Amino acid sequence: MTTAIGAPCQVERAYEDCRRIAAAHGRTYFLATRLLEPERRPAVHALYAFARLVDDIVDAADAPAHAEVSAARLDRIEHVLRARLVDAPVDDPDSEEDRVLLAAADTIRRYSIAAEHFWVFLDAMRMDIPGSPQYRDHYATMTELRGYMRGSAAAIGLQLLPVLGTVAATADAEPAAAALGEAFQLTNFLRDVAEDLDRGRVYLPADELAAFGVDTELLRECRATGNTDPRVRRALAHLIAVNRDLYRLATPGITLLVPRVRPAIRTAATLYSGILDEIERTDYAVFTRRAAVPQHRRLRVAAKEFVAR
C-alpha cells in the first residue's frame, strides 16, 4: 500500500514514464513542450500520458469482449486518482498505469488543478465504451458533439492552464483554453473519419453533414471505395471552416498566458491546425490516408518560435 504521492524516486520514475509516452505518441505536443521552461515539461507530459492512457483503454473497448474490462479500468483509474489526491491508501502494483496516475496526481496537487476537470474527462470517455449507459456512436448536432468535447477536449485545455500559467485571472483565460482543446479535438475527428468509421462511430454532426447530402451510408461507401464523394468533400470543407473558427476564437487567449509559454502553445496550435491544410492539400483524401504535418514543417515552425521567444 502507498499514499497519494510516493517517494521522490518513485515520482521521478513516474514522470520519466510519462515523458517517454509523450515522446512516442504525441509528436506535435512533445515538440511544442520543448519550448516550455524545463520545470513545466514534466507536468505537461504527465497530463498527456494520463489522457493517452485513458484513450488507449477506450480504444480497446471496441472489441465486445473488452468493453466491460475497459469500463472497470476507467472506474479503477478514477478510484485510484481520487484516493491519491486525498492521501488515502491505494493498491500500488508498480505498473506503468499506476506510475502515470502517480505523476498525474502529483501534477494536480503541485499546480492546484481543479480535479473536476478529470472527472468530466473520464465521464466523456465512458461515452465511447459500448454497453455503458453513456455510450454514443454518433451525434445529431454540433451542440451534442460539443457537449462530448467539453469533457474529451475542453477539459484537457483547462487541466493545462494552471501548469502553463497566466498573466490574468485563470478564469479569464479558461474560455480560450477550452476553445483550443475543442479545436484540437475537431481536427482529430476530421483527420480520423475513416478510422472512426471502422470502429462504428461518426464524430461529425449529422445535421451539418445532411446539409450537404451526406449520411453515414455515404461515408461508409467512401471508405469502401477510397474515393471522397464531392458531397463529402463539400461537407468536410465546411467543417474545416468551423474548425478554423475555433482556432481563431482560441488565439487571443494565448496572450493571457505567461510570456515564456506562449511560443509552445502557438507552435501546438499552428502545427495542429496545419493538419487541416494537409487534408485540403490532398483533396480531402481522408478515407485512404491519415493527414499529418510533414516533419520539416514541424521543425521549421518550432524553430521560428524558439528564435522569436
C-alpha atoms as a PDB file:
ATOM      1  CA  MET A   1       0.000   0.000   0.000  1.00  0.00           C
ATOM      2  CA  THR A   2       1.117   3.560  -0.618  1.00  0.00           C
ATOM      3  CA  THR A   3      -0.228   7.058  -0.202  1.00  0.00           C
ATOM      4  CA  ALA A   4      -1.070   9.628  -2.860  1.00  0.00           C
ATOM      5  CA  ILE A   5       2.440  10.820  -3.518  1.00  0.00           C
ATOM      6  CA  GLY A   6       5.272   8.333  -3.271  1.00  0.00           C
ATOM      7  CA  ALA A   7       8.949   8.675  -2.515  1.00  0.00           C
ATOM      8  CA  PRO A   8      10.921  11.140  -4.680  1.00  0.00           C
ATOM      9  CA  CYS A   9      12.489   8.310  -6.677  1.00  0.00           C
ATOM     10  CA  GLN A  10       9.028   6.857  -7.412  1.00  0.00           C
ATOM     11  CA  VAL A  11       7.707  10.199  -8.572  1.00  0.00           C
ATOM     12  CA  GLU A  12      10.789  10.806 -10.733  1.00  0.00           C
ATOM     13  CA  ARG A  13      10.382   7.420 -12.391  1.00  0.00           C
ATOM     14  CA  ALA A  14       6.677   8.114 -12.917  1.00  0.00           C
ATOM     15  CA  TYR A  15       7.414  11.373 -14.711  1.00  0.00           C
ATOM     16  CA  GLU A  16      10.060   9.700 -16.844  1.00  0.00           C
ATOM     17  CA  ASP A  17       7.469   7.134 -17.979  1.00  0.00           C
ATOM     18  CA  CYS A  18       5.159   9.999 -18.904  1.00  0.00           C
ATOM     19  CA  ARG A  19       7.920  11.713 -20.867  1.00  0.00           C
ATOM     20  CA  ARG A  20       8.562   8.529 -22.822  1.00  0.00           C
ATOM     21  CA  ILE A  21       4.847   8.100 -23.602  1.00  0.00           C
ATOM     22  CA  ALA A  22       4.577  11.706 -24.784  1.00  0.00           C
ATOM     23  CA  ALA A  23       7.667  11.377 -26.975  1.00  0.00           C
ATOM     24  CA  ALA A  24       6.405   8.144 -28.546  1.00  0.00           C
ATOM     25  CA  HIS A  25       2.782   9.101 -29.191  1.00  0.00           C
ATOM     26  CA  GLY A  26       2.378  12.880 -29.115  1.00  0.00           C
ATOM     27  CA  ARG A  27       4.921  14.165 -31.610  1.00  0.00           C
ATOM     28  CA  THR A  28       3.339  17.588 -32.081  1.00  0.00           C
ATOM     29  CA  TYR A  29       2.724  18.148 -28.382  1.00  0.00           C
ATOM     30  CA  PHE A  30       6.124  16.776 -27.403  1.00  0.00           C
ATOM     31  CA  LEU A  31       7.868  19.098 -29.843  1.00  0.00           C
ATOM     32  CA  ALA A  32       5.856  22.048 -28.519  1.00  0.00           C
ATOM     33  CA  THR A  33       6.772  21.235 -24.904  1.00  0.00           C
ATOM     34  CA  ARG A  34      10.448  21.643 -25.794  1.00  0.00           C
ATOM     35  CA  LEU A  35       9.691  25.371 -25.888  1.00  0.00           C
ATOM     36  CA  LEU A  36       8.448  25.359 -22.288  1.00  0.00           C
ATOM     37  CA  GLU A  37      10.591  26.025 -19.255  1.00  0.00           C
ATOM     38  CA  PRO A  38      12.160  22.710 -18.189  1.00  0.00           C
ATOM     39  CA  GLU A  39      10.345  22.703 -14.844  1.00  0.00           C
ATOM     40  CA  ARG A  40       6.928  22.807 -16.586  1.00  0.00           C
ATOM     41  CA  ARG A  41       7.583  19.992 -19.061  1.00  0.00           C
ATOM     42  CA  PRO A  42       7.087  17.016 -16.706  1.00  0.00           C
ATOM     43  CA  ALA A  43       3.608  18.207 -15.745  1.00  0.00           C
ATOM     44  CA  VAL A  44       2.585  18.560 -19.393  1.00  0.00           C
ATOM     45  CA  HIS A  45       3.980  15.089 -20.100  1.00  0.00           C
ATOM     46  CA  ALA A  46       2.004  13.716 -17.136  1.00  0.00           C
ATOM     47  CA  LEU A  47      -1.270  15.221 -18.344  1.00  0.00           C
ATOM     48  CA  TYR A  48      -0.648  13.937 -21.870  1.00  0.00           C
ATOM     49  CA  ALA A  49       0.201  10.452 -20.606  1.00  0.00           C
ATOM     50  CA  PHE A  50      -2.925  10.368 -18.441  1.00  0.00           C
ATOM     51  CA  ALA A  51      -5.132  11.280 -21.425  1.00  0.00           C
ATOM     52  CA  ARG A  52      -3.300   8.763 -23.616  1.00  0.00           C
ATOM     53  CA  LEU A  53      -3.702   6.008 -21.026  1.00  0.00           C
ATOM     54  CA  VAL A  54      -7.448   6.552 -20.874  1.00  0.00           C
ATOM     55  CA  ASP A  55      -7.729   6.851 -24.651  1.00  0.00           C
ATOM     56  CA  ASP A  56      -5.940   3.531 -25.181  1.00  0.00           C
ATOM     57  CA  ILE A  57      -8.269   1.840 -22.692  1.00  0.00           C
ATOM     58  CA  VAL A  58     -11.294   3.211 -24.528  1.00  0.00           C
ATOM     59  CA  ASP A  59      -9.905   2.098 -27.902  1.00  0.00           C
ATOM     60  CA  ALA A  60      -9.556  -1.441 -26.549  1.00  0.00           C
ATOM     61  CA  ALA A  61     -13.252  -1.390 -25.641  1.00  0.00           C
ATOM     62  CA  ASP A  62     -14.192  -1.659 -29.328  1.00  0.00           C
ATOM     63  CA  ALA A  63     -13.762  -5.421 -29.038  1.00  0.00           C
ATOM     64  CA  PRO A  64     -17.057  -6.624 -27.475  1.00  0.00           C
ATOM     65  CA  ALA A  65     -15.280  -8.893 -25.013  1.00  0.00           C
ATOM     66  CA  HIS A  66     -13.171  -5.980 -23.770  1.00  0.00           C
ATOM     67  CA  ALA A  67     -15.840  -3.333 -23.187  1.00  0.00           C
ATOM     68  CA  GLU A  68     -16.647  -4.475 -19.658  1.00  0.00           C
ATOM     69  CA  VAL A  69     -12.954  -4.696 -18.785  1.00  0.00           C
ATOM     70  CA  SER A  70     -12.347  -1.196 -20.152  1.00  0.00           C
ATOM     71  CA  ALA A  71     -15.231   0.229 -18.149  1.00  0.00           C
ATOM     72  CA  ALA A  72     -13.866  -1.389 -14.997  1.00  0.00           C
ATOM     73  CA  ARG A  73     -10.393   0.005 -15.700  1.00  0.00           C
ATOM     74  CA  LEU A  74     -11.764   3.514 -16.033  1.00  0.00           C
ATOM     75  CA  ASP A  75     -13.582   3.082 -12.738  1.00  0.00           C
ATOM     76  CA  ARG A  76     -10.342   1.931 -11.114  1.00  0.00           C
ATOM     77  CA  ILE A  77      -8.410   4.859 -12.580  1.00  0.00           C
ATOM     78  CA  GLU A  78     -10.905   7.295 -11.106  1.00  0.00           C
ATOM     79  CA  HIS A  79     -10.834   5.487  -7.767  1.00  0.00           C
ATOM     80  CA  VAL A  80      -7.018   5.485  -7.578  1.00  0.00           C
ATOM     81  CA  LEU A  81      -6.708   9.117  -8.651  1.00  0.00           C
ATOM     82  CA  ARG A  82      -9.324  10.266  -6.148  1.00  0.00           C
ATOM     83  CA  ALA A  83      -7.557   8.300  -3.404  1.00  0.00           C
ATOM     84  CA  ARG A  84      -4.142   9.733  -4.221  1.00  0.00           C
ATOM     85  CA  LEU A  85      -5.498  13.270  -4.125  1.00  0.00           C
ATOM     86  CA  VAL A  86      -6.643  12.845  -0.514  1.00  0.00           C
ATOM     87  CA  ASP A  87      -3.681  10.735   0.641  1.00  0.00           C
ATOM     88  CA  ALA A  88      -5.841   7.640   1.027  1.00  0.00           C
ATOM     89  CA  PRO A  89      -4.019   4.290   0.740  1.00  0.00           C
ATOM     90  CA  VAL A  90      -4.280   2.538  -2.617  1.00  0.00           C
ATOM     91  CA  ASP A  91      -3.014  -0.699  -4.110  1.00  0.00           C
ATOM     92  CA  ASP A  92       0.196   0.006  -5.992  1.00  0.00           C
ATOM     93  CA  PRO A  93       1.304  -2.826  -8.328  1.00  0.00           C
ATOM     94  CA  ASP A  94       4.018  -0.544  -9.785  1.00  0.00           C
ATOM     95  CA  SER A  95       2.656  -0.864 -13.304  1.00  0.00           C
ATOM     96  CA  GLU A  96       3.075   1.814 -15.965  1.00  0.00           C
ATOM     97  CA  GLU A  97      -0.602   2.671 -15.492  1.00  0.00           C
ATOM     98  CA  ASP A  98      -0.115   3.314 -11.790  1.00  0.00           C
ATOM     99  CA  ARG A  99       3.018   5.350 -12.396  1.00  0.00           C
ATOM    100  CA  VAL A 100       1.094   7.567 -14.827  1.00  0.00           C
ATOM    101  CA  LEU A 101      -1.586   8.041 -12.162  1.00  0.00           C
ATOM    102  CA  LEU A 102       1.100   8.886  -9.612  1.00  0.00           C
ATOM    103  CA  ALA A 103       2.548  11.581 -11.882  1.00  0.00           C
ATOM    104  CA  ALA A 104      -0.940  12.908 -12.692  1.00  0.00           C
ATOM    105  CA  ALA A 105      -1.831  13.156  -9.000  1.00  0.00           C
ATOM    106  CA  ASP A 106       1.451  14.901  -8.236  1.00  0.00           C
ATOM    107  CA  THR A 107       0.793  17.367 -11.069  1.00  0.00           C
ATOM    108  CA  ILE A 108      -2.773  18.070  -9.906  1.00  0.00           C
ATOM    109  CA  ARG A 109      -1.591  18.825  -6.402  1.00  0.00           C
ATOM    110  CA  ARG A 110       1.539  20.718  -7.400  1.00  0.00           C
ATOM    111  CA  TYR A 111      -0.374  23.106  -9.689  1.00  0.00           C
ATOM    112  CA  SER A 112      -3.709  23.164  -7.812  1.00  0.00           C
ATOM    113  CA  ILE A 113      -5.624  21.923 -10.855  1.00  0.00           C
ATOM    114  CA  ALA A 114      -9.359  21.529 -10.257  1.00  0.00           C
ATOM    115  CA  ALA A 115      -9.947  17.771 -10.033  1.00  0.00           C
ATOM    116  CA  GLU A 116     -13.384  18.254 -11.584  1.00  0.00           C
ATOM    117  CA  HIS A 117     -11.715  18.565 -14.993  1.00  0.00           C
ATOM    118  CA  PHE A 118     -10.518  14.964 -14.662  1.00  0.00           C
ATOM    119  CA  TRP A 119     -13.887  13.564 -13.630  1.00  0.00           C
ATOM    120  CA  VAL A 120     -15.576  15.371 -16.539  1.00  0.00           C
ATOM    121  CA  PHE A 121     -12.941  13.925 -18.876  1.00  0.00           C
ATOM    122  CA  LEU A 122     -13.481  10.381 -17.598  1.00  0.00           C
ATOM    123  CA  ASP A 123     -17.257  10.741 -17.949  1.00  0.00           C
ATOM    124  CA  ALA A 124     -16.810  11.758 -21.590  1.00  0.00           C
ATOM    125  CA  MET A 125     -14.566   8.753 -22.188  1.00  0.00           C
ATOM    126  CA  ARG A 126     -17.292   6.483 -20.845  1.00  0.00           C
ATOM    127  CA  MET A 127     -19.414   7.758 -23.728  1.00  0.00           C
ATOM    128  CA  ASP A 128     -17.012   5.868 -26.021  1.00  0.00           C
ATOM    129  CA  ILE A 129     -17.400   2.476 -24.342  1.00  0.00           C
ATOM    130  CA  PRO A 130     -20.020   0.216 -25.969  1.00  0.00           C
ATOM    131  CA  GLY A 131     -22.546  -1.073 -23.476  1.00  0.00           C
ATOM    132  CA  SER A 132     -22.052   1.740 -20.984  1.00  0.00           C
ATOM    133  CA  PRO A 133     -25.150   3.801 -20.123  1.00  0.00           C
ATOM    134  CA  GLN A 134     -23.475   6.903 -21.571  1.00  0.00           C
ATOM    135  CA  TYR A 135     -22.364   5.279 -24.867  1.00  0.00           C
ATOM    136  CA  ARG A 136     -22.801   7.312 -28.058  1.00  0.00           C
ATOM    137  CA  ASP A 137     -21.665   6.297 -31.545  1.00  0.00           C
ATOM    138  CA  HIS A 138     -22.968   9.376 -33.365  1.00  0.00           C
ATOM    139  CA  TYR A 139     -24.003  12.966 -32.684  1.00  0.00           C
ATOM    140  CA  ALA A 140     -27.061  14.622 -34.204  1.00  0.00           C
ATOM    141  CA  THR A 141     -25.903  18.224 -33.897  1.00  0.00           C
ATOM    142  CA  MET A 142     -22.804  20.292 -33.256  1.00  0.00           C
ATOM    143  CA  THR A 143     -24.314  21.196 -29.892  1.00  0.00           C
ATOM    144  CA  GLU A 144     -24.400  17.494 -28.961  1.00  0.00           C
ATOM    145  CA  LEU A 145     -20.854  16.996 -30.221  1.00  0.00           C
ATOM    146  CA  ARG A 146     -19.593  19.986 -28.263  1.00  0.00           C
ATOM    147  CA  GLY A 147     -21.223  18.515 -25.170  1.00  0.00           C
ATOM    148  CA  TYR A 148     -18.985  15.488 -25.654  1.00  0.00           C
ATOM    149  CA  MET A 149     -15.948  17.654 -26.429  1.00  0.00           C
ATOM    150  CA  ARG A 150     -16.478  19.607 -23.213  1.00  0.00           C
ATOM    151  CA  GLY A 151     -15.171  16.539 -21.414  1.00  0.00           C
ATOM    152  CA  SER A 152     -12.973  14.936 -24.043  1.00  0.00           C
ATOM    153  CA  ALA A 153     -11.111  18.086 -25.094  1.00  0.00           C
ATOM    154  CA  ALA A 154     -12.048  21.346 -23.369  1.00  0.00           C
ATOM    155  CA  ALA A 155     -11.356  19.717 -20.005  1.00  0.00           C
ATOM    156  CA  ILE A 156      -7.804  18.958 -21.125  1.00  0.00           C
ATOM    157  CA  GLY A 157      -7.225  22.596 -22.010  1.00  0.00           C
ATOM    158  CA  LEU A 158      -8.498  23.558 -18.571  1.00  0.00           C
ATOM    159  CA  GLN A 159      -6.218  20.971 -16.932  1.00  0.00           C
ATOM    160  CA  LEU A 160      -3.211  22.501 -18.669  1.00  0.00           C
ATOM    161  CA  LEU A 161      -3.975  26.119 -17.882  1.00  0.00           C
ATOM    162  CA  PRO A 162      -2.627  26.189 -14.280  1.00  0.00           C
ATOM    163  CA  VAL A 163       0.536  24.422 -15.446  1.00  0.00           C
ATOM    164  CA  LEU A 164       1.171  26.936 -18.179  1.00  0.00           C
ATOM    165  CA  GLY A 165       0.413  29.970 -16.009  1.00  0.00           C
ATOM    166  CA  THR A 166      -1.478  33.156 -16.863  1.00  0.00           C
ATOM    167  CA  VAL A 167      -0.881  36.896 -16.603  1.00  0.00           C
ATOM    168  CA  ALA A 168      -4.557  37.459 -15.777  1.00  0.00           C
ATOM    169  CA  ALA A 169      -7.031  35.626 -13.577  1.00  0.00           C
ATOM    170  CA  THR A 170      -7.178  31.968 -14.586  1.00  0.00           C
ATOM    171  CA  ALA A 171     -10.936  32.265 -15.133  1.00  0.00           C
ATOM    172  CA  ASP A 172     -10.329  34.928 -17.807  1.00  0.00           C
ATOM    173  CA  ALA A 173      -8.201  32.525 -19.829  1.00  0.00           C
ATOM    174  CA  GLU A 174     -10.478  29.482 -19.465  1.00  0.00           C
ATOM    175  CA  PRO A 175     -12.825  30.146 -22.442  1.00  0.00           C
ATOM    176  CA  ALA A 176      -9.899  30.339 -24.864  1.00  0.00           C
ATOM    177  CA  ALA A 177      -8.219  27.286 -23.326  1.00  0.00           C
ATOM    178  CA  ALA A 178     -11.446  25.307 -23.688  1.00  0.00           C
ATOM    179  CA  ALA A 179     -11.851  26.503 -27.290  1.00  0.00           C
ATOM    180  CA  LEU A 180      -8.317  25.406 -28.171  1.00  0.00           C
ATOM    181  CA  GLY A 181      -8.965  21.972 -26.690  1.00  0.00           C
ATOM    182  CA  GLU A 182     -12.124  21.673 -28.795  1.00  0.00           C
ATOM    183  CA  ALA A 183     -10.250  22.889 -31.881  1.00  0.00           C
ATOM    184  CA  PHE A 184      -7.645  20.156 -31.460  1.00  0.00           C
ATOM    185  CA  GLN A 185     -10.353  17.543 -30.952  1.00  0.00           C
ATOM    186  CA  LEU A 186     -12.383  18.549 -34.011  1.00  0.00           C
ATOM    187  CA  THR A 187      -9.184  18.411 -36.074  1.00  0.00           C
ATOM    188  CA  ASN A 188      -8.747  14.829 -34.871  1.00  0.00           C
ATOM    189  CA  PHE A 189     -12.303  13.982 -35.908  1.00  0.00           C
ATOM    190  CA  LEU A 190     -11.786  15.403 -39.401  1.00  0.00           C
ATOM    191  CA  ARG A 191      -8.458  13.616 -39.799  1.00  0.00           C
ATOM    192  CA  ASP A 192      -9.706  10.287 -38.430  1.00  0.00           C
ATOM    193  CA  VAL A 193     -13.057   9.924 -40.218  1.00  0.00           C
ATOM    194  CA  ALA A 194     -12.027   6.589 -41.731  1.00  0.00           C
ATOM    195  CA  GLU A 195     -10.635   5.105 -38.516  1.00  0.00           C
ATOM    196  CA  ASP A 196     -13.733   6.137 -36.593  1.00  0.00           C
ATOM    197  CA  LEU A 197     -15.995   4.570 -39.235  1.00  0.00           C
ATOM    198  CA  ASP A 198     -14.055   1.332 -38.885  1.00  0.00           C
ATOM    199  CA  ARG A 199     -14.885   1.482 -35.164  1.00  0.00           C
ATOM    200  CA  GLY A 200     -18.577   2.067 -35.876  1.00  0.00           C
ATOM    201  CA  ARG A 201     -18.528   5.739 -34.899  1.00  0.00           C
ATOM    202  CA  VAL A 202     -19.106   9.092 -36.558  1.00  0.00           C
ATOM    203  CA  TYR A 203     -17.849  12.147 -34.690  1.00  0.00           C
ATOM    204  CA  LEU A 204     -19.119  14.686 -37.224  1.00  0.00           C
ATOM    205  CA  PRO A 205     -22.552  16.254 -36.561  1.00  0.00           C
ATOM    206  CA  ALA A 206     -25.258  14.557 -38.612  1.00  0.00           C
ATOM    207  CA  ASP A 207     -27.276  17.696 -39.315  1.00  0.00           C
ATOM    208  CA  GLU A 208     -24.285  19.562 -40.736  1.00  0.00           C
ATOM    209  CA  LEU A 209     -23.388  16.582 -42.921  1.00  0.00           C
ATOM    210  CA  ALA A 210     -27.016  16.297 -44.078  1.00  0.00           C
ATOM    211  CA  ALA A 211     -26.955  19.909 -45.270  1.00  0.00           C
ATOM    212  CA  PHE A 212     -24.551  18.695 -47.973  1.00  0.00           C
ATOM    213  CA  GLY A 213     -26.426  15.460 -48.725  1.00  0.00           C
ATOM    214  CA  VAL A 214     -24.108  13.302 -46.630  1.00  0.00           C
ATOM    215  CA  ASP A 215     -25.146  10.496 -44.287  1.00  0.00           C
ATOM    216  CA  THR A 216     -23.371   7.609 -42.614  1.00  0.00           C
ATOM    217  CA  GLU A 217     -24.029   5.269 -45.536  1.00  0.00           C
ATOM    218  CA  LEU A 218     -22.310   7.636 -47.948  1.00  0.00           C
ATOM    219  CA  LEU A 219     -19.331   7.915 -45.604  1.00  0.00           C
ATOM    220  CA  ARG A 220     -19.111   4.115 -45.479  1.00  0.00           C
ATOM    221  CA  GLU A 221     -19.261   3.957 -49.263  1.00  0.00           C
ATOM    222  CA  CYS A 222     -16.371   6.417 -49.457  1.00  0.00           C
ATOM    223  CA  ARG A 223     -14.431   4.288 -47.016  1.00  0.00           C
ATOM    224  CA  ALA A 224     -15.096   1.137 -49.034  1.00  0.00           C
ATOM    225  CA  THR A 225     -14.116   2.676 -52.368  1.00  0.00           C
ATOM    226  CA  GLY A 226     -11.388   5.001 -51.112  1.00  0.00           C
ATOM    227  CA  ASN A 227     -12.944   7.852 -53.072  1.00  0.00           C
ATOM    228  CA  THR A 228     -14.159  11.066 -51.462  1.00  0.00           C
ATOM    229  CA  ASP A 229     -17.587  11.876 -52.899  1.00  0.00           C
ATOM    230  CA  PRO A 230     -17.977  15.557 -53.938  1.00  0.00           C
ATOM    231  CA  ARG A 231     -20.760  15.962 -51.357  1.00  0.00           C
ATOM    232  CA  VAL A 232     -18.457  14.705 -48.627  1.00  0.00           C
ATOM    233  CA  ARG A 233     -15.702  16.988 -49.869  1.00  0.00           C
ATOM    234  CA  ARG A 234     -18.007  19.998 -49.531  1.00  0.00           C
ATOM    235  CA  ALA A 235     -19.115  18.901 -46.058  1.00  0.00           C
ATOM    236  CA  LEU A 236     -15.505  18.484 -44.930  1.00  0.00           C
ATOM    237  CA  ALA A 237     -14.621  21.914 -46.337  1.00  0.00           C
ATOM    238  CA  HIS A 238     -17.469  23.424 -44.295  1.00  0.00           C
ATOM    239  CA  LEU A 239     -16.407  21.666 -41.095  1.00  0.00           C
ATOM    240  CA  ILE A 240     -12.791  22.697 -41.629  1.00  0.00           C
ATOM    241  CA  ALA A 241     -14.017  26.299 -41.757  1.00  0.00           C
ATOM    242  CA  VAL A 242     -15.908  25.715 -38.492  1.00  0.00           C
ATOM    243  CA  ASN A 243     -12.738  24.217 -37.015  1.00  0.00           C
ATOM    244  CA  ARG A 244     -10.653  27.213 -38.047  1.00  0.00           C
ATOM    245  CA  ASP A 245     -13.165  29.496 -36.336  1.00  0.00           C
ATOM    246  CA  LEU A 246     -12.436  27.629 -33.093  1.00  0.00           C
ATOM    247  CA  TYR A 247      -8.703  28.212 -33.565  1.00  0.00           C
ATOM    248  CA  ARG A 248      -9.395  31.912 -34.181  1.00  0.00           C
ATOM    249  CA  LEU A 249     -11.507  32.075 -31.032  1.00  0.00           C
ATOM    250  CA  ALA A 250      -8.712  30.476 -29.026  1.00  0.00           C
ATOM    251  CA  THR A 251      -5.812  32.514 -30.425  1.00  0.00           C
ATOM    252  CA  PRO A 252      -6.342  35.740 -28.391  1.00  0.00           C
ATOM    253  CA  GLY A 253      -6.187  33.655 -25.223  1.00  0.00           C
ATOM    254  CA  ILE A 254      -2.533  32.861 -25.877  1.00  0.00           C
ATOM    255  CA  THR A 255      -1.659  36.429 -24.869  1.00  0.00           C
ATOM    256  CA  LEU A 256      -3.219  35.709 -21.459  1.00  0.00           C
ATOM    257  CA  LEU A 257      -0.576  33.061 -20.814  1.00  0.00           C
ATOM    258  CA  VAL A 258       2.743  33.911 -19.216  1.00  0.00           C
ATOM    259  CA  PRO A 259       5.131  35.087 -21.978  1.00  0.00           C
ATOM    260  CA  ARG A 260       7.524  32.154 -21.582  1.00  0.00           C
ATOM    261  CA  VAL A 261       4.935  29.542 -22.582  1.00  0.00           C
ATOM    262  CA  ARG A 262       3.270  31.401 -25.446  1.00  0.00           C
ATOM    263  CA  PRO A 263       5.665  30.093 -28.141  1.00  0.00           C
ATOM    264  CA  ALA A 264       4.893  26.483 -27.184  1.00  0.00           C
ATOM    265  CA  ILE A 265       1.135  26.970 -27.389  1.00  0.00           C
ATOM    266  CA  ARG A 266       1.377  28.933 -30.627  1.00  0.00           C
ATOM    267  CA  THR A 267       3.501  26.107 -32.034  1.00  0.00           C
ATOM    268  CA  ALA A 268       0.980  23.464 -30.991  1.00  0.00           C
ATOM    269  CA  ALA A 269      -1.917  25.472 -32.438  1.00  0.00           C
ATOM    270  CA  THR A 270      -0.087  26.197 -35.693  1.00  0.00           C
ATOM    271  CA  LEU A 271       1.004  22.607 -36.205  1.00  0.00           C
ATOM    272  CA  TYR A 272      -2.313  21.047 -35.290  1.00  0.00           C
ATOM    273  CA  SER A 273      -4.294  23.429 -37.460  1.00  0.00           C
ATOM    274  CA  GLY A 274      -1.776  22.526 -40.156  1.00  0.00           C
ATOM    275  CA  ILE A 275      -3.432  19.111 -40.314  1.00  0.00           C
ATOM    276  CA  LEU A 276      -6.427  20.902 -41.843  1.00  0.00           C
ATOM    277  CA  ASP A 277      -4.100  22.307 -44.515  1.00  0.00           C
ATOM    278  CA  GLU A 278      -2.877  18.781 -45.259  1.00  0.00           C
ATOM    279  CA  ILE A 279      -6.449  17.486 -45.608  1.00  0.00           C
ATOM    280  CA  GLU A 280      -7.127  20.225 -48.147  1.00  0.00           C
ATOM    281  CA  ARG A 281      -3.800  19.671 -49.906  1.00  0.00           C
ATOM    282  CA  THR A 282      -4.686  16.018 -50.532  1.00  0.00           C
ATOM    283  CA  ASP A 283      -8.144  16.982 -51.827  1.00  0.00           C
ATOM    284  CA  TYR A 284      -9.878  15.580 -48.725  1.00  0.00           C
ATOM    285  CA  ALA A 285      -8.497  12.066 -49.193  1.00  0.00           C
ATOM    286  CA  VAL A 286      -9.302  11.213 -45.557  1.00  0.00           C
ATOM    287  CA  PHE A 287     -10.539   7.730 -46.439  1.00  0.00           C
ATOM    288  CA  THR A 288      -7.207   6.481 -47.728  1.00  0.00           C
ATOM    289  CA  ARG A 289      -4.586   8.412 -45.752  1.00  0.00           C
ATOM    290  CA  ARG A 290      -4.074   9.985 -42.352  1.00  0.00           C
ATOM    291  CA  ALA A 291      -3.189  13.637 -42.777  1.00  0.00           C
ATOM    292  CA  ALA A 292      -0.017  14.664 -40.976  1.00  0.00           C
ATOM    293  CA  VAL A 293       2.129  17.780 -40.967  1.00  0.00           C
ATOM    294  CA  PRO A 294       5.497  16.929 -42.564  1.00  0.00           C
ATOM    295  CA  GLN A 295       8.433  16.796 -40.183  1.00  0.00           C
ATOM    296  CA  HIS A 296      10.296  19.580 -41.960  1.00  0.00           C
ATOM    297  CA  ARG A 297       7.348  21.919 -41.405  1.00  0.00           C
ATOM    298  CA  ARG A 298       7.013  20.910 -37.755  1.00  0.00           C
ATOM    299  CA  LEU A 299      10.679  21.642 -37.170  1.00  0.00           C
ATOM    300  CA  ARG A 300      10.528  24.933 -39.070  1.00  0.00           C
ATOM    301  CA  VAL A 301       7.540  26.199 -37.058  1.00  0.00           C
ATOM    302  CA  ALA A 302       9.140  25.186 -33.758  1.00  0.00           C
ATOM    303  CA  ALA A 303      12.466  26.765 -34.713  1.00  0.00           C
ATOM    304  CA  LYS A 304      10.747  30.027 -35.661  1.00  0.00           C
ATOM    305  CA  GLU A 305       9.044  30.240 -32.266  1.00  0.00           C
ATOM    306  CA  PHE A 306      12.260  29.298 -30.482  1.00  0.00           C
ATOM    307  CA  VAL A 307      14.138  32.140 -32.149  1.00  0.00           C
ATOM    308  CA  ALA A 308      11.307  34.647 -31.579  1.00  0.00           C
ATOM    309  CA  ARG A 309      10.743  33.925 -27.902  1.00  0.00           C
END
